Amino acid sequence: MNMDVSCLGKGLFGRLVSAIYPPRCVFCGAAGFADRDICEACYDELPWIGSSCVQCAIPLADGSGNQLRCGNCLRKPPHFDHSLSLFSYEKNAVHLIRQLKFNEKLAYSRLLGRMLADRVAQDDAALPHCLLPVPLHKKRLRRRGFNQSVELSREVVKQFGLMLDVSAVARMRDTQSQSGLDRKQRCKNIRGAFRVVRPVRAEHVVIVDDVVTTTSTVNELARALKKAGVKRVDVWSIARAV
């Protein structure tokens, strides 16, 4: 009988860790479920997105499904082709992302990344050839010490066996924070910020980001990727601002 000893070892190690350090809810401290660091009650209270625009993932009226395009995408189609997002950027979703991003709660990336992977598994869209986290400028990366989009991507890559590309695209300018800027200002601020610095050897790429607000950042990154020859660019995010 053939047996993958490495996979067996990983499985045994995972079960041992779970037995010694069982998952606990990051909100209330109760026992986690499905090997997630969140309990069922707090999981259900998260601001999950139901129906959304198939292209930009902005929430639509309940019951609309996930195959319609919103008015903005119909009037001015973005450079990316398809999006999915877990939550509206409000309530406990804001807490999870801010704790990861600004308080160095890297363990939260495991929870959020696994929930993103769960959502991807439910989606009808084809899996990409690689994941490309939104890059940070080297100055901001030094200040923060990590890229939250990379940490989120690791969990998704682990589940689906995808390639993770963190070097094909560079952020050339340390742009002003997009927070507080309107759509027009965001587009101007981010224009030309990304450069493809080595060939992207994939026809289908997914951009991973923590929060998509006006889509200015992911749209500019998608534009650079399409210009470099990528055929399809999708966007996966934890939260979508409304």
Protein backbone atom coordinates (compact mmCIF):
# COMPACT_ATOMS: atom_id res chain seq x y z
CA MET A 1 0.00 0.00 0.00
CA ASN A 2 1.38 3.41 -0.97
CA MET A 3 1.33 6.06 1.70
CA ASP A 4 2.39 9.71 1.66
CA VAL A 5 4.40 9.79 4.88
CA SER A 6 4.88 13.55 4.77
CA CYS A 7 1.11 14.18 4.62
CA LEU A 8 0.53 11.64 7.36
CA GLY A 9 3.11 13.39 9.52
CA LYS A 10 1.54 16.77 8.94
CA GLY A 11 -1.90 15.38 9.78
CA LEU A 12 -0.70 13.83 13.02
CA PHE A 13 1.15 17.02 13.97
CA GLY A 14 -1.94 19.11 13.28
CA ARG A 15 -4.12 16.89 15.43
CA LEU A 16 -1.52 16.97 18.22
CA VAL A 17 -1.38 20.77 18.17
CA SER A 18 -5.20 20.97 18.17
CA ALA A 19 -5.34 18.61 21.13
CA ILE A 20 -2.81 20.61 23.16
CA TYR A 21 -3.98 24.04 22.01
CA PRO A 22 -7.66 23.67 21.05
CA PRO A 23 -9.13 26.54 19.01
CA ARG A 24 -10.66 29.35 21.07
CA CYS A 25 -12.91 32.13 19.84
CA VAL A 26 -10.99 35.38 19.32
CA PHE A 27 -14.07 37.34 20.39
CA CYS A 28 -15.51 35.62 23.46
CA GLY A 29 -13.00 32.94 24.35
CA ALA A 30 -15.48 30.07 23.94
CA ALA A 31 -14.44 26.83 22.25
CA GLY A 32 -13.90 27.23 18.53
CA PHE A 33 -15.57 25.03 15.94
CA ALA A 34 -14.45 23.30 12.73
CA ASP A 35 -10.84 23.90 13.83
CA ARG A 36 -11.42 27.66 13.60
CA ASP A 37 -10.57 30.24 16.28
CA ILE A 38 -14.16 31.41 16.46
CA CYS A 39 -17.30 29.96 18.04
CA GLU A 40 -20.49 29.31 16.08
CA ALA A 41 -22.39 32.19 17.69
CA CYS A 42 -19.72 34.81 16.87
CA TYR A 43 -19.24 33.27 13.41
CA ASP A 44 -22.94 33.76 12.66
CA GLU A 45 -22.80 37.38 13.86
CA LEU A 46 -20.12 38.39 11.37
CA PRO A 47 -21.42 40.75 8.62
CA TRP A 48 -21.39 38.15 5.86
CA ILE A 49 -22.09 39.33 2.32
CA GLY A 50 -24.94 37.47 0.65
CA SER A 51 -25.72 38.69 -2.86
CA SER A 52 -23.00 40.77 -4.52
CA CYS A 53 -21.80 42.13 -7.86
CA VAL A 54 -20.00 39.38 -9.76
CA GLN A 55 -17.28 41.80 -10.85
CA CYS A 56 -16.54 44.07 -7.86
CA ALA A 57 -18.27 42.16 -5.00
CA ILE A 58 -20.17 45.17 -3.69
CA PRO A 59 -23.25 43.90 -1.78
CA LEU A 60 -26.53 43.89 -3.70
CA ALA A 61 -30.11 43.46 -2.53
CA ASP A 62 -30.75 40.15 -0.79
CA GLY A 63 -31.85 37.49 -3.23
CA SER A 64 -30.10 39.07 -6.23
CA GLY A 65 -27.57 36.25 -6.42
CA ASN A 66 -23.90 36.56 -7.38
CA GLN A 67 -24.08 36.73 -11.17
CA LEU A 68 -25.28 40.33 -11.69
CA ARG A 69 -23.10 43.38 -12.33
CA CYS A 70 -23.70 46.59 -10.41
CA GLY A 71 -24.35 49.89 -12.16
CA ASN A 72 -20.76 51.11 -11.71
CA CYS A 73 -19.28 47.99 -13.32
CA LEU A 74 -21.75 48.21 -16.21
CA ARG A 75 -20.99 51.90 -16.83
CA LYS A 76 -17.21 51.63 -16.44
CA PRO A 77 -15.95 48.04 -16.29
CA PRO A 78 -12.86 47.64 -14.10
CA HIS A 79 -9.68 45.94 -15.28
CA PHE A 80 -10.32 42.88 -13.10
CA ASP A 81 -12.83 40.24 -14.14
CA HIS A 82 -14.40 38.73 -11.02
CA SER A 83 -14.42 39.36 -7.26
CA LEU A 84 -15.51 37.73 -4.06
CA SER A 85 -15.43 39.09 -0.54
CA LEU A 86 -16.49 37.66 2.81
CA PHE A 87 -17.84 40.59 4.78
CA SER A 88 -19.14 44.11 4.63
CA TYR A 89 -16.46 46.26 6.23
CA GLU A 90 -18.28 46.90 9.49
CA LYS A 91 -18.77 45.61 13.03
CA ASN A 92 -16.62 42.60 14.00
CA ALA A 93 -15.04 42.38 10.55
CA VAL A 94 -13.39 45.76 11.17
CA HIS A 95 -12.08 44.51 14.51
CA LEU A 96 -10.53 41.37 13.00
CA ILE A 97 -8.78 43.23 10.18
CA ARG A 98 -7.50 46.09 12.34
CA GLN A 99 -6.16 43.68 14.95
CA LEU A 100 -4.24 41.85 12.24
CA LYS A 101 -3.08 44.93 10.40
CA PHE A 102 -2.18 47.35 13.17
CA ASN A 103 -1.81 45.27 16.35
CA GLU A 104 0.29 42.47 14.85
CA LYS A 105 -2.23 39.76 15.68
CA LEU A 106 -0.81 37.48 13.01
CA ALA A 107 -2.81 34.54 14.37
CA TYR A 108 -5.89 36.31 13.00
CA SER A 109 -4.56 35.76 9.48
CA ARG A 110 -5.04 32.01 10.00
CA LEU A 111 -8.70 32.47 10.90
CA LEU A 112 -9.42 34.98 8.14
CA GLY A 113 -7.40 33.08 5.54
CA ARG A 114 -9.20 29.83 6.31
CA MET A 115 -12.59 31.50 6.09
CA LEU A 116 -11.58 33.01 2.75
CA ALA A 117 -10.53 29.55 1.54
CA ASP A 118 -13.91 28.17 2.65
CA ARG A 119 -15.67 30.86 0.60
CA VAL A 120 -13.51 30.20 -2.46
CA ALA A 121 -14.39 26.50 -2.24
CA GLN A 122 -18.07 27.44 -2.53
CA ASP A 123 -17.54 29.67 -5.58
CA ASP A 124 -18.23 28.46 -9.11
CA ALA A 125 -15.31 30.42 -10.59
CA ALA A 126 -12.22 28.57 -11.80
CA LEU A 127 -9.21 28.48 -9.50
CA PRO A 128 -6.30 30.68 -10.63
CA HIS A 129 -2.79 29.65 -11.54
CA CYS A 130 -1.36 31.82 -8.77
CA LEU A 131 -2.20 34.24 -5.97
CA LEU A 132 -0.66 37.70 -5.94
CA PRO A 133 -1.07 39.65 -2.67
CA VAL A 134 -1.28 43.43 -3.00
CA PRO A 135 2.34 44.50 -2.44
CA LEU A 136 3.39 47.08 0.13
CA HIS A 137 6.08 49.65 -0.55
CA LYS A 138 9.38 48.61 1.03
CA LYS A 139 9.25 51.52 3.51
CA ARG A 140 5.80 50.56 4.76
CA LEU A 141 6.79 46.90 4.88
CA ARG A 142 9.76 47.77 7.09
CA ARG A 143 7.55 49.83 9.40
CA ARG A 144 4.84 47.18 9.72
CA GLY A 145 7.12 44.16 9.59
CA PHE A 146 4.77 42.06 7.47
CA ASN A 147 2.29 42.26 4.62
CA GLN A 148 -1.16 41.25 5.85
CA SER A 149 -2.26 40.26 2.33
CA VAL A 150 0.66 37.82 2.09
CA GLU A 151 -0.26 36.26 5.44
CA LEU A 152 -3.89 35.84 4.35
CA SER A 153 -2.78 34.29 1.06
CA ARG A 154 -0.65 31.64 2.77
CA GLU A 155 -3.73 29.94 4.23
CA VAL A 156 -5.53 29.86 0.88
CA VAL A 157 -2.45 28.55 -0.92
CA LYS A 158 -2.13 25.83 1.71
CA GLN A 159 -5.68 24.60 1.15
CA PHE A 160 -5.68 24.58 -2.66
CA GLY A 161 -2.02 23.97 -3.48
CA LEU A 162 -1.75 27.17 -5.53
CA MET A 163 1.38 29.15 -6.31
CA LEU A 164 2.05 32.30 -4.26
CA ASP A 165 3.85 35.08 -6.14
CA VAL A 166 5.23 37.89 -3.98
CA SER A 167 7.95 39.18 -6.29
CA ALA A 168 6.50 39.71 -9.78
CA VAL A 169 4.98 43.11 -8.93
CA ALA A 170 6.55 45.93 -6.91
CA ARG A 171 4.98 48.99 -5.37
CA MET A 172 7.12 51.78 -6.76
CA ARG A 173 5.78 54.69 -4.72
CA ASP A 174 5.05 54.96 -1.00
CA THR A 175 1.62 56.41 -1.70
CA GLN A 176 -0.43 58.41 0.74
CA SER A 177 -2.86 56.29 2.74
CA GLN A 178 -6.08 55.83 0.78
CA SER A 179 -8.11 56.29 3.96
CA GLY A 180 -9.99 59.58 3.92
CA LEU A 181 -9.67 60.10 0.16
CA ASP A 182 -12.66 60.08 -2.16
CA ARG A 183 -12.81 57.88 -5.27
CA LYS A 184 -11.24 60.45 -7.61
CA GLN A 185 -8.43 61.21 -5.15
CA ARG A 186 -7.79 57.49 -4.58
CA CYS A 187 -7.47 56.83 -8.31
CA LYS A 188 -5.03 59.72 -8.72
CA ASN A 189 -3.07 58.69 -5.62
CA ILE A 190 -2.55 55.09 -6.76
CA ARG A 191 -2.07 55.71 -10.50
CA GLY A 192 1.21 54.17 -11.69
CA ALA A 193 2.09 52.87 -8.22
CA PHE A 194 2.64 49.27 -9.35
CA ARG A 195 5.16 47.86 -11.81
CA VAL A 196 5.54 44.31 -13.06
CA VAL A 197 9.26 43.74 -12.46
CA ARG A 198 9.52 40.17 -13.74
CA PRO A 199 7.38 38.04 -16.08
CA VAL A 200 4.13 36.73 -14.60
CA ARG A 201 4.03 33.13 -15.82
CA ALA A 202 0.32 32.69 -15.31
CA GLU A 203 -2.69 33.45 -17.48
CA HIS A 204 -5.11 33.61 -14.54
CA VAL A 205 -4.08 35.54 -11.42
CA VAL A 206 -5.98 36.39 -8.26
CA ILE A 207 -5.16 39.57 -6.34
CA VAL A 208 -5.58 39.12 -2.58
CA ASP A 209 -6.33 42.12 -0.35
CA ASP A 210 -7.65 42.60 3.16
CA VAL A 211 -10.16 45.36 2.42
CA VAL A 212 -11.48 46.65 -0.92
CA THR A 213 -12.98 50.13 -0.58
CA THR A 214 -13.45 51.93 -3.90
CA THR A 215 -11.51 49.25 -5.89
CA SER A 216 -8.91 51.89 -6.88
CA THR A 217 -5.91 49.88 -5.61
CA VAL A 218 -6.89 46.47 -6.97
CA ASN A 219 -8.01 48.04 -10.25
CA GLU A 220 -4.63 49.74 -10.74
CA LEU A 221 -2.83 46.51 -9.93
CA ALA A 222 -5.09 44.60 -12.34
CA ARG A 223 -4.37 47.19 -15.03
CA ALA A 224 -0.62 46.62 -14.64
CA LEU A 225 -1.07 42.85 -14.78
CA LYS A 226 -3.29 42.98 -17.88
CA LYS A 227 -0.77 45.28 -19.55
CA ALA A 228 1.92 42.68 -18.79
CA GLY A 229 -0.08 40.00 -20.59
CA VAL A 230 -2.15 38.32 -17.88
CA LYS A 231 -5.41 37.14 -19.45
CA ARG A 232 -7.67 37.06 -16.39
CA VAL A 233 -7.41 38.86 -13.07
CA ASP A 234 -9.77 38.21 -10.15
CA VAL A 235 -9.90 39.77 -6.70
CA TRP A 236 -10.40 37.97 -3.38
CA SER A 237 -10.75 40.03 -0.23
CA ILE A 238 -11.79 39.67 3.37
CA ALA A 239 -14.05 42.73 3.45
CA ARG A 240 -15.76 45.07 1.00
CA ALA A 241 -16.61 48.62 2.00
CA VAL A 242 -20.13 49.73 1.10
